[in-house]
Protein backbone atom coordinates (compact mmCIF):
# COMPACT_ATOMS: atom_id res chain seq x y z
CA MET A 1 84.35 -102.77 -24.09
CA SER A 2 85.35 -101.86 -20.75
CA ILE A 3 83.44 -105.20 -19.54
CA ALA A 4 85.52 -107.08 -22.07
CA LEU A 5 88.63 -105.43 -20.98
CA ALA A 6 87.70 -106.15 -17.23
CA LYS A 7 87.41 -109.80 -17.98
CA LEU A 8 90.77 -109.82 -19.76
CA PHE A 9 92.66 -108.31 -16.90
CA ASP A 10 90.74 -110.75 -14.45
CA LEU A 11 92.28 -113.61 -16.69
CA GLU A 12 95.78 -112.06 -16.57
CA SER A 13 95.58 -111.98 -12.84
CA GLN A 14 95.39 -115.92 -12.48
CA GLU A 15 98.62 -117.53 -11.83
CA SER A 16 99.72 -121.26 -11.94
CA GLY A 17 102.77 -122.20 -10.05
CA GLY A 18 104.21 -118.69 -10.22
CA SER A 19 103.91 -115.74 -12.71
CA PRO A 20 100.78 -115.68 -15.15
CA LEU A 21 101.46 -117.28 -18.45
CA PHE A 22 101.18 -113.79 -20.31
CA MET A 23 104.28 -112.58 -18.29
CA SER A 24 106.24 -115.79 -19.42
CA PRO A 25 109.65 -114.44 -20.72
CA ALA A 26 109.64 -117.06 -23.46
CA PRO A 27 106.89 -116.51 -26.24
CA SER A 28 104.56 -119.40 -26.64
CA THR A 29 104.50 -121.56 -29.89
CA ASP A 30 101.23 -122.53 -29.22
CA PRO A 31 98.39 -120.30 -30.06
CA GLN A 32 95.97 -122.21 -27.99
CA PRO A 33 94.82 -121.70 -24.54
CA ILE A 34 96.78 -124.12 -21.92
CA SER A 35 93.76 -125.96 -20.89
CA GLY A 36 90.62 -126.94 -22.77
CA ASP A 37 88.57 -126.62 -19.51
CA LYS A 38 86.02 -124.03 -20.50
CA ASN A 39 84.16 -124.14 -17.08
CA GLY A 40 86.83 -123.46 -14.88
CA GLY A 41 90.60 -124.08 -13.94
CA ASP A 42 93.07 -122.54 -16.26
CA GLY A 43 91.01 -122.63 -19.57
CA GLY A 44 90.66 -118.97 -20.31
CA ARG A 45 94.46 -118.26 -19.89
CA ILE A 46 95.84 -117.18 -23.21
CA PRO A 47 99.63 -115.91 -24.04
CA VAL A 48 98.19 -112.58 -24.57
CA GLU A 49 101.72 -110.50 -24.46
CA GLU A 50 103.10 -111.74 -27.72
CA TRP A 51 100.10 -111.26 -29.59
CA LEU A 52 99.40 -107.65 -28.58
CA PRO A 53 101.13 -104.50 -30.39
CA ILE A 54 102.52 -102.89 -27.47
CA THR A 55 104.61 -106.16 -26.36
CA GLU A 56 104.77 -107.91 -29.71
CA SER A 57 108.23 -106.74 -30.08
CA ARG A 58 110.68 -106.61 -26.89
CA LYS A 59 113.83 -105.60 -29.27
CA GLY A 60 113.91 -101.67 -28.37
CA ASN A 61 116.85 -99.98 -27.14
CA VAL A 62 117.67 -96.63 -25.46
CA TYR A 63 117.52 -94.91 -28.90
CA THR A 64 114.04 -96.16 -29.91
CA ALA A 65 112.69 -95.35 -26.29
CA THR A 66 114.33 -91.86 -26.29
CA PHE A 67 112.64 -91.02 -29.78
CA HIS A 68 109.30 -92.65 -28.75
CA LEU A 69 109.34 -90.45 -25.56
CA LEU A 70 110.53 -87.07 -27.36
CA CYS A 71 108.03 -87.64 -29.83
CA SER A 72 104.90 -87.98 -27.64
CA GLY A 73 106.72 -85.35 -25.24
CA ILE A 74 107.16 -82.27 -27.55
CA GLY A 75 103.48 -81.96 -27.84
CA LEU A 76 101.37 -79.24 -29.62
CA GLN A 77 100.51 -77.82 -26.34
CA VAL A 78 104.07 -76.62 -25.87
CA ILE A 79 102.96 -73.83 -28.37
CA LEU A 80 100.66 -72.46 -25.96
CA LEU A 81 103.29 -71.94 -22.83
CA PRO A 82 103.76 -68.50 -23.51
CA ALA A 83 100.03 -67.73 -23.28
CA ALA A 84 100.54 -69.02 -19.99
CA PHE A 85 103.11 -66.94 -19.24
CA ALA A 86 100.85 -63.74 -20.56
CA ALA A 87 98.60 -64.70 -17.65
CA LEU A 88 101.08 -65.55 -14.92
CA GLY A 89 103.97 -63.09 -15.64
CA TRP A 90 107.86 -63.76 -15.56
CA VAL A 91 108.35 -65.23 -12.01
CA TRP A 92 105.28 -67.15 -11.39
CA GLY A 93 105.34 -68.28 -15.04
CA THR A 94 108.88 -69.70 -14.60
CA ILE A 95 108.32 -71.17 -10.86
CA ILE A 96 105.27 -73.15 -12.00
CA LEU A 97 107.03 -74.09 -15.55
CA THR A 98 110.03 -75.52 -13.52
CA VAL A 99 108.09 -77.29 -10.81
CA GLY A 100 105.82 -78.87 -13.29
CA PHE A 101 108.78 -80.39 -15.03
CA VAL A 102 110.45 -81.55 -11.91
CA TRP A 103 107.19 -83.07 -10.83
CA LYS A 104 106.72 -84.79 -14.15
CA LEU A 105 110.10 -86.27 -14.18
CA TYR A 106 109.77 -87.43 -10.56
CA THR A 107 106.57 -89.32 -11.49
CA THR A 108 108.06 -90.83 -14.61
CA TRP A 109 110.87 -92.09 -12.36
CA LEU A 110 108.26 -93.90 -10.01
CA LEU A 111 106.75 -95.51 -12.95
CA VAL A 112 109.99 -96.74 -14.52
CA HIS A 113 111.14 -98.22 -11.40
CA LEU A 114 107.41 -99.85 -10.84
CA HIS A 115 107.63 -101.41 -14.28
CA GLU A 116 109.30 -104.61 -12.42
CA ALA A 117 108.53 -103.98 -8.94
CA VAL A 118 107.10 -107.20 -8.63
CA PRO A 119 109.72 -110.08 -9.34
CA GLY A 120 109.04 -112.11 -12.48
CA ILE A 121 106.52 -109.47 -13.73
CA ARG A 122 106.60 -106.73 -16.06
CA MET A 123 103.77 -104.12 -15.75
CA SER A 124 103.78 -103.13 -19.50
CA ARG A 125 100.72 -101.21 -19.36
CA TYR A 126 99.23 -98.51 -17.14
CA VAL A 127 96.26 -100.43 -16.41
CA ARG A 128 98.13 -103.57 -15.51
CA LEU A 129 99.95 -101.62 -12.77
CA ALA A 130 96.54 -99.54 -11.72
CA ILE A 131 95.10 -102.98 -11.02
CA HIS A 132 98.04 -104.51 -9.11
CA SER A 133 98.25 -101.30 -6.88
CA PHE A 134 94.77 -100.77 -6.31
CA GLY A 135 93.04 -104.03 -6.47
CA ALA A 136 91.10 -105.32 -9.47
CA LYS A 137 87.83 -103.08 -9.06
CA LEU A 138 89.39 -100.02 -8.25
CA GLY A 139 92.44 -100.39 -10.74
CA LYS A 140 90.00 -100.92 -13.50
CA LEU A 141 87.98 -97.94 -12.50
CA LEU A 142 91.18 -95.43 -12.24
CA GLY A 143 92.97 -96.96 -15.24
CA ILE A 144 91.02 -98.15 -18.26
CA PHE A 145 89.07 -95.03 -18.78
CA PRO A 146 91.59 -92.68 -18.57
CA VAL A 147 93.95 -94.51 -20.55
CA MET A 148 91.20 -94.92 -23.24
CA TYR A 149 90.36 -91.17 -22.58
CA LEU A 150 93.82 -89.96 -23.11
CA SER A 151 94.71 -92.13 -26.01
CA GLY A 152 91.53 -91.19 -27.85
CA GLY A 153 91.34 -87.70 -26.83
CA ALA A 154 95.00 -87.03 -27.76
CA CYS A 155 94.24 -88.32 -31.36
CA THR A 156 91.24 -86.24 -31.88
CA ILE A 157 92.96 -83.15 -30.84
CA LEU A 158 95.84 -84.06 -33.00
CA VAL A 159 93.32 -84.36 -35.85
CA ILE A 160 91.45 -80.85 -35.28
CA THR A 161 94.93 -79.01 -34.83
CA GLY A 162 96.82 -80.95 -37.50
CA GLY A 163 93.66 -80.30 -40.04
CA LYS A 164 93.46 -76.57 -39.00
CA SER A 165 97.26 -76.06 -39.44
CA LEU A 166 96.85 -77.78 -42.93
CA GLN A 167 94.22 -75.41 -43.87
CA GLN A 168 96.25 -72.41 -42.62
CA LEU A 169 99.46 -74.00 -44.88
CA LEU A 170 97.23 -73.89 -47.95
CA GLN A 171 96.03 -70.64 -47.18
CA ILE A 172 99.63 -69.01 -46.81
CA MET A 173 100.67 -70.79 -49.88
CA SER A 174 97.70 -69.75 -52.04
CA GLU A 175 98.07 -66.52 -54.07
CA ASP A 176 94.73 -65.06 -53.13
CA ASN A 177 95.04 -66.11 -49.48
CA ILE A 178 91.94 -68.48 -49.64
CA ALA A 179 92.57 -72.14 -48.80
CA PRO A 180 91.48 -74.58 -51.41
CA LEU A 181 90.10 -77.02 -49.10
CA THR A 182 87.31 -76.63 -46.28
CA SER A 183 88.30 -77.63 -42.78
CA VAL A 184 86.31 -80.69 -42.82
CA GLN A 185 88.39 -81.97 -46.17
CA CYS A 186 91.56 -80.98 -44.28
CA PHE A 187 90.86 -83.07 -41.12
CA LEU A 188 90.10 -85.91 -43.61
CA VAL A 189 93.25 -85.73 -45.36
CA PHE A 190 95.14 -85.43 -42.17
CA SER A 191 92.95 -88.35 -40.93
CA CYS A 192 93.72 -90.45 -44.02
CA ILE A 193 97.69 -90.16 -43.91
CA ALA A 194 97.52 -90.62 -40.14
CA MET A 195 95.44 -93.76 -40.32
CA ILE A 196 97.77 -95.05 -42.94
CA MET A 197 100.70 -94.41 -40.75
CA SER A 198 98.82 -96.08 -37.87
CA GLN A 199 99.11 -99.55 -39.61
CA PHE A 200 102.82 -100.53 -38.19
CA PRO A 201 102.21 -103.94 -36.57
CA ASN A 202 103.75 -102.88 -33.11
CA LEU A 203 104.85 -100.00 -30.96
CA ASN A 204 108.43 -101.14 -31.32
CA SER A 205 108.41 -100.86 -35.04
CA LEU A 206 107.16 -97.12 -34.90
CA PHE A 207 110.86 -96.09 -34.30
CA GLY A 208 111.20 -94.43 -37.63
CA VAL A 209 108.18 -92.67 -37.14
CA SER A 210 109.09 -91.24 -33.75
CA LEU A 211 112.45 -90.29 -35.20
CA ILE A 212 111.02 -88.16 -37.85
CA GLY A 213 108.12 -87.09 -35.45
CA ALA A 214 110.92 -85.77 -32.76
CA PHE A 215 113.03 -84.10 -35.33
CA MET A 216 110.35 -82.34 -36.63
CA GLY A 217 109.29 -81.15 -33.00
CA VAL A 218 112.67 -79.95 -32.50
CA ALA A 219 112.80 -78.24 -35.68
CA TYR A 220 109.39 -76.12 -35.06
CA CYS A 221 110.25 -75.25 -31.53
CA THR A 222 113.50 -74.12 -32.63
CA VAL A 223 112.68 -71.79 -35.44
CA ILE A 224 109.68 -70.71 -33.45
CA TRP A 225 112.23 -69.03 -31.01
CA ILE A 226 115.00 -68.17 -33.22
CA LEU A 227 112.92 -66.05 -35.40
CA PRO A 228 112.36 -63.27 -32.79
CA VAL A 229 115.70 -63.29 -31.71
CA THR A 230 117.46 -62.88 -35.29
CA SER A 231 114.70 -60.15 -36.30
CA ASP A 232 115.08 -56.37 -35.25
CA SER A 233 114.68 -56.98 -31.27
CA GLN A 234 114.40 -53.07 -30.56
CA LYS A 235 111.54 -52.74 -32.76
CA THR A 236 109.66 -55.68 -31.63
CA GLN A 237 109.96 -54.64 -28.17
CA VAL A 238 108.62 -50.92 -28.51
CA SER A 239 105.31 -51.66 -28.02
CA VAL A 240 105.53 -54.92 -25.59
CA SER A 241 103.95 -54.96 -22.07
CA TYR A 242 104.65 -57.86 -19.60
CA ALA A 243 101.54 -56.58 -17.38
CA THR A 244 99.00 -59.05 -16.26
CA ALA A 245 95.64 -57.32 -16.27
CA ASP A 246 93.45 -59.81 -15.03
CA LYS A 247 94.42 -61.92 -11.76
CA SER A 248 91.30 -63.49 -11.00
CA PHE A 249 91.47 -67.04 -9.83
CA VAL A 250 89.80 -68.43 -12.84
CA HIS A 251 92.15 -66.57 -15.12
CA ILE A 252 95.27 -67.67 -13.36
CA PHE A 253 94.28 -71.35 -12.91
CA ASN A 254 93.45 -71.54 -16.56
CA ALA A 255 96.83 -70.57 -17.23
CA ILE A 256 98.22 -73.25 -14.76
CA GLY A 257 96.10 -75.71 -16.61
CA LEU A 258 97.69 -74.71 -19.92
CA ILE A 259 101.26 -75.52 -18.38
CA ALA A 260 99.94 -78.90 -16.75
CA LEU A 261 98.68 -80.01 -20.18
CA VAL A 262 102.06 -79.97 -21.50
CA TYR A 263 103.26 -82.55 -18.83
CA ARG A 264 100.60 -85.20 -19.68
CA GLY A 265 102.04 -88.59 -21.34
CA ASN A 266 102.69 -90.69 -18.36
CA ASN A 267 100.12 -93.01 -19.76
CA LEU A 268 102.83 -93.90 -22.50
CA VAL A 269 105.87 -94.58 -20.02
CA LEU A 270 105.31 -98.15 -19.13
CA GLU A 271 104.21 -99.22 -22.69
CA ILE A 272 107.16 -97.65 -23.92
CA GLN A 273 109.41 -99.38 -21.44
CA GLY A 274 107.40 -103.01 -22.51
CA THR A 275 109.41 -102.55 -25.80
CA LEU A 276 112.80 -102.98 -24.21
CA PRO A 277 114.43 -106.28 -23.64
CA SER A 278 115.12 -107.04 -19.71
CA ASP A 279 116.76 -109.70 -17.56
CA SER A 280 118.50 -109.63 -14.03
CA LYS A 281 121.79 -108.28 -15.35
CA ASN A 282 120.22 -105.80 -17.14
CA PRO A 283 116.96 -104.70 -16.21
CA SER A 284 114.74 -102.63 -18.30
CA SER A 285 114.67 -99.87 -15.65
CA LYS A 286 118.28 -98.87 -16.62
CA THR A 287 117.98 -98.48 -20.16
CA MET A 288 114.50 -96.64 -19.86
CA TRP A 289 115.92 -94.04 -17.06
CA ARG A 290 118.82 -93.18 -19.66
CA ALA A 291 116.13 -92.43 -22.46
CA VAL A 292 113.95 -90.56 -20.02
CA MET A 293 116.90 -88.51 -19.30
CA ILE A 294 118.05 -87.78 -22.66
CA SER A 295 114.45 -87.21 -24.04
CA HIS A 296 113.45 -84.87 -20.96
CA ALA A 297 116.90 -82.81 -21.52
CA LEU A 298 115.98 -82.35 -25.06
CA VAL A 299 112.22 -81.39 -24.10
CA ALA A 300 113.70 -78.70 -21.86
CA ILE A 301 115.95 -77.31 -24.34
CA CYS A 302 113.01 -76.92 -26.64
CA MET A 303 110.55 -75.63 -24.35
CA PHE A 304 112.25 -73.28 -21.87
CA PRO A 305 113.78 -70.95 -24.79
CA LEU A 306 110.35 -71.21 -26.72
CA THR A 307 108.55 -69.98 -23.64
CA PHE A 308 110.89 -67.39 -22.53
CA VAL A 309 111.91 -66.01 -25.97
CA VAL A 310 108.40 -65.71 -27.64
CA TYR A 311 106.94 -64.31 -24.18
CA TRP A 312 109.76 -61.80 -24.51
CA ALA A 313 109.13 -60.69 -27.95
CA TYR A 314 105.37 -60.59 -27.83
CA GLY A 315 104.40 -60.10 -24.27
CA ASP A 316 100.55 -58.93 -23.79
CA LYS A 317 100.09 -59.45 -27.55
CA ILE A 318 99.71 -63.15 -26.95
CA PRO A 319 96.28 -64.26 -25.91
CA ALA A 320 96.16 -65.67 -22.68
CA THR A 321 92.93 -67.72 -23.09
CA GLY A 322 94.04 -71.02 -24.89
CA GLY A 323 92.12 -72.30 -27.52
CA PRO A 324 93.15 -73.50 -30.96
CA VAL A 325 97.12 -73.96 -31.44
CA GLY A 326 96.81 -72.59 -34.86
CA ASN A 327 95.81 -69.16 -33.55
CA TYR A 328 99.54 -68.99 -31.98
CA LEU A 329 100.94 -70.25 -34.92
CA LYS A 330 99.51 -67.36 -36.71
CA LEU A 331 100.90 -64.96 -34.15
CA TYR A 332 104.29 -66.36 -34.46
CA THR A 333 104.66 -66.18 -38.07
CA GLN A 334 102.59 -63.12 -39.10
CA GLU A 335 105.73 -60.76 -38.73
CA HIS A 336 108.14 -62.91 -40.68
CA SER A 337 108.46 -64.35 -44.01
CA LYS A 338 105.89 -66.68 -45.85
CA ARG A 339 108.83 -69.34 -46.28
CA ALA A 340 109.59 -69.21 -42.51
CA ALA A 341 105.51 -69.34 -41.78
CA CYS A 342 105.64 -72.24 -44.18
CA PHE A 343 108.56 -74.10 -42.76
CA ILE A 344 106.77 -73.81 -39.12
CA HIS A 345 103.43 -75.14 -40.23
CA LEU A 346 104.85 -77.85 -42.38
CA THR A 347 106.98 -79.38 -39.52
CA PHE A 348 104.11 -78.79 -37.10
CA ILE A 349 102.04 -80.68 -39.18
CA PHE A 350 104.54 -83.50 -39.52
CA SER A 351 104.95 -83.65 -35.87
CA CYS A 352 101.47 -84.23 -35.31
CA LEU A 353 101.05 -86.78 -37.73
CA CYS A 354 104.08 -88.82 -36.25
CA SER A 355 102.53 -88.27 -32.73
CA TYR A 356 99.27 -89.74 -33.82
CA PRO A 357 100.22 -93.49 -34.03
CA ILE A 358 101.93 -93.49 -30.90
CA ASN A 359 99.12 -91.81 -29.09
CA LEU A 360 96.95 -94.37 -30.46
CA MET A 361 98.63 -97.49 -29.70
CA PRO A 362 97.16 -97.84 -26.35
CA ALA A 363 93.71 -97.60 -27.60
CA CYS A 364 94.91 -100.20 -30.41
CA ASP A 365 96.07 -102.50 -27.53
CA ASN A 366 92.89 -102.42 -25.52
CA ILE A 367 90.85 -102.80 -28.43
CA GLU A 368 92.79 -105.93 -29.57
CA MET A 369 92.65 -107.19 -25.87
CA VAL A 370 88.74 -107.40 -26.43
CA TYR A 371 89.09 -109.59 -29.82
CA ILE A 372 91.76 -111.75 -28.14
CA THR A 373 89.15 -112.29 -25.02
CA LYS A 374 86.41 -113.45 -27.35
CA LYS A 375 88.58 -115.10 -30.20
CA GLN A 376 91.34 -116.77 -27.94
CA LYS A 377 93.94 -116.24 -30.93
CA PRO A 378 95.96 -113.25 -32.16
CA ALA A 379 94.41 -110.64 -34.44
CA SER A 380 95.24 -111.32 -38.00
CA ILE A 381 96.64 -108.57 -40.05
CA VAL A 382 93.47 -107.81 -41.64
CA VAL A 383 91.61 -107.85 -38.24
CA ARG A 384 94.30 -105.52 -36.84
CA MET A 385 94.08 -103.12 -39.85
CA MET A 386 90.42 -102.97 -39.72
CA LEU A 387 90.31 -102.36 -35.98
CA ARG A 388 92.99 -99.45 -36.36
CA VAL A 389 90.86 -97.84 -39.09
CA PHE A 390 87.71 -98.38 -36.94
CA LEU A 391 89.53 -96.17 -34.25
CA SER A 392 90.76 -93.48 -36.59
CA LEU A 393 87.19 -93.00 -37.86
CA VAL A 394 85.89 -92.60 -34.44
CA CYS A 395 88.37 -90.08 -33.81
CA PHE A 396 87.93 -88.25 -37.05
CA SER A 397 84.17 -88.39 -36.37
CA ILE A 398 84.56 -86.90 -32.88
CA ALA A 399 86.92 -84.15 -34.50
CA VAL A 400 84.35 -83.02 -37.05
CA GLY A 401 81.47 -83.25 -34.59
CA PHE A 402 83.22 -81.44 -31.77
CA PRO A 403 85.67 -78.98 -33.32
CA PHE A 404 85.53 -76.52 -30.52
CA LEU A 405 87.29 -79.33 -27.98
CA PRO A 406 90.63 -77.48 -28.02
CA TYR A 407 88.78 -74.37 -25.86
CA LEU A 408 88.08 -77.13 -23.57
CA ALA A 409 91.47 -78.35 -23.23
CA VAL A 410 91.80 -77.32 -19.78
CA LEU A 411 88.65 -78.84 -18.63
CA ILE A 412 89.16 -81.88 -20.51
CA GLY A 413 93.08 -82.13 -19.51
CA ALA A 414 92.22 -81.91 -15.80
CA ILE A 415 89.94 -84.92 -15.81
CA ALA A 416 93.05 -87.00 -16.62
CA LEU A 417 95.84 -85.12 -14.90
CA LEU A 418 95.71 -87.77 -12.05
CA VAL A 419 97.47 -90.37 -14.18
CA THR A 420 100.61 -88.07 -14.44
CA PHE A 421 100.72 -86.19 -11.14
CA THR A 422 98.83 -88.31 -8.44
CA TYR A 423 98.16 -91.88 -9.44
CA PRO A 424 102.13 -92.88 -9.48
CA CYS A 425 102.61 -91.64 -5.58
CA PHE A 426 100.06 -94.06 -4.51
CA MET A 427 101.17 -96.80 -6.87
CA TRP A 428 104.76 -96.65 -5.17
CA ILE A 429 103.16 -96.86 -1.76
CA SER A 430 101.04 -99.45 -2.36
CA ILE A 431 103.75 -102.01 -4.12
CA LYS A 432 107.00 -100.69 -2.42
CA LYS A 433 105.45 -100.33 0.83
CA PRO A 434 107.71 -98.04 2.56
CA GLN A 435 107.49 -97.48 6.40
CA ARG A 436 104.47 -95.69 7.34
CA LYS A 437 105.41 -92.01 8.03
CA SER A 438 108.98 -92.44 6.52
CA PRO A 439 110.32 -89.44 4.36
CA MET A 440 109.59 -91.47 1.01
CA TRP A 441 106.07 -92.26 2.19
CA LEU A 442 105.14 -88.89 3.43
CA PHE A 443 106.48 -87.29 0.63
CA ASN A 444 104.50 -89.38 -2.08
CA VAL A 445 101.22 -89.02 0.03
CA LEU A 446 101.84 -85.20 -0.34
CA VAL A 447 102.72 -85.07 -3.95
CA GLY A 448 99.98 -87.25 -4.73
CA CYS A 449 97.35 -85.10 -2.69
CA LEU A 450 98.70 -81.84 -4.36
CA GLY A 451 98.20 -83.39 -7.76
CA ALA A 452 94.51 -84.36 -6.72
CA SER A 453 93.73 -80.79 -5.27
CA LEU A 454 95.49 -79.39 -8.41
CA SER A 455 93.18 -81.32 -10.71
CA VAL A 456 90.02 -80.55 -8.68
CA LEU A 457 90.86 -76.70 -8.83
CA LEU A 458 91.50 -76.66 -12.63
CA LEU A 459 88.19 -78.22 -13.03
CA VAL A 460 86.19 -75.63 -10.96
CA ALA A 461 88.42 -73.11 -12.66
CA SER A 462 87.53 -74.33 -16.09
CA ALA A 463 83.79 -74.71 -15.15
CA MET A 464 83.57 -71.07 -13.78
CA ARG A 465 85.37 -69.75 -16.84
CA LEU A 466 82.85 -71.56 -18.94
CA ALA A 467 79.87 -70.01 -17.03
CA GLN A 468 81.50 -66.73 -17.02
CA LYS A 469 82.32 -66.60 -20.86
CA GLY A 470 80.43 -69.29 -22.10
CA LEU A 471 81.31 -71.32 -25.44
CA HIS A 472 80.57 -71.27 -28.84
CA ALA A 473 79.71 -74.75 -29.55
CA ASN A 474 79.75 -75.16 -33.47
CA PHE A 475 78.81 -78.91 -33.71
CA PHE A 476 79.66 -80.34 -37.01
CA SER A 477 80.82 -77.14 -38.49
CA PRO A 478 84.61 -76.94 -38.09
């Protein structure tokens, strides 16, 4: 697949009298290549943009972009933030959480303004921007694998987490406290529903799904932090301690990794911006930046109270080791009514289901690129449906075969952390070309190097933690 994708991006890089054909603002009415020459010239160039699901529709607006960002931004990892505070404490936890939020916002600003940094060309895919910034070979190496890795990996984690949460919900609802379905069956139910929801034709058409997902994400985050506040706080705080017993390198950086995981998602910014219309008077960057500011404000309103209040209420009762999100859902709901527990689990499951098709879209887009490269025609409805079924089956199979992946969240996330914290800084330097040693040049070099260093440190800390504590690798036994 990587070879086919590389060939396609080579085709896209060809130019004839200006910008490449697939960047043309006017949709092509001729589904055939420009030239019939199969041995050279422009024979391989095809109007890719209007055939692929990310850019098939450019009728988005600030509302669609906001809800796409919000649905993908309030990730399931938000629930793990109090666990990071349990390891870092109040001061360092607050500092690192705030710095990470500002850092993510800054790199998002870079990407939004790099989307149309080259006149006449819209970088509607992270891979395309990487190729334009770093060259064909290095750009493909740095772009294709992380994007597919993040897209497929996020969906696999959603299957595991959503399936486990569904099993917990059924267990709470049952009279004998026994779930009627096994873990594999819950994974299958979740995957089937997510697979159906992934059949929307393009990213812009997922607006309704994103709206529901954003609402559900805000709902469960709000309820989780409101429950401790409205309960008997004096009784809750009697035996709560905020002391951090383990201050080792491994423990601290594992906690930092949990915070860093919350800020993943820059691989979707350019794609979401690609659904917006753009012209010289109203460039897409203006609309997109408004959506970014609104969505990040709402994410902060959900994320910071949840982290502070839950840590204040439970303190050292929160396991500071990461692991399945479902374990933390149990902790947050065990002291409250069954109705509240059911509401949190139900809204959380719906949020995971709605996040699934958005996270899967870059992989769908890339696999359709492979099809277009070979067939030189757009994918039909049946072909598009089968490709998405195939990708969903792959995610389900990995989830069943490797159900322990949530325990490796920091290790897996550290590999792709560069996409959010590092690459955008060097992309800005490569395309905008600020004067060497100017403040903007120095700042981006510093931030980019810090991001790369953080990724390496998290990898080392995660590997050391595995060496010390081991891993119960329950292959094909979720």
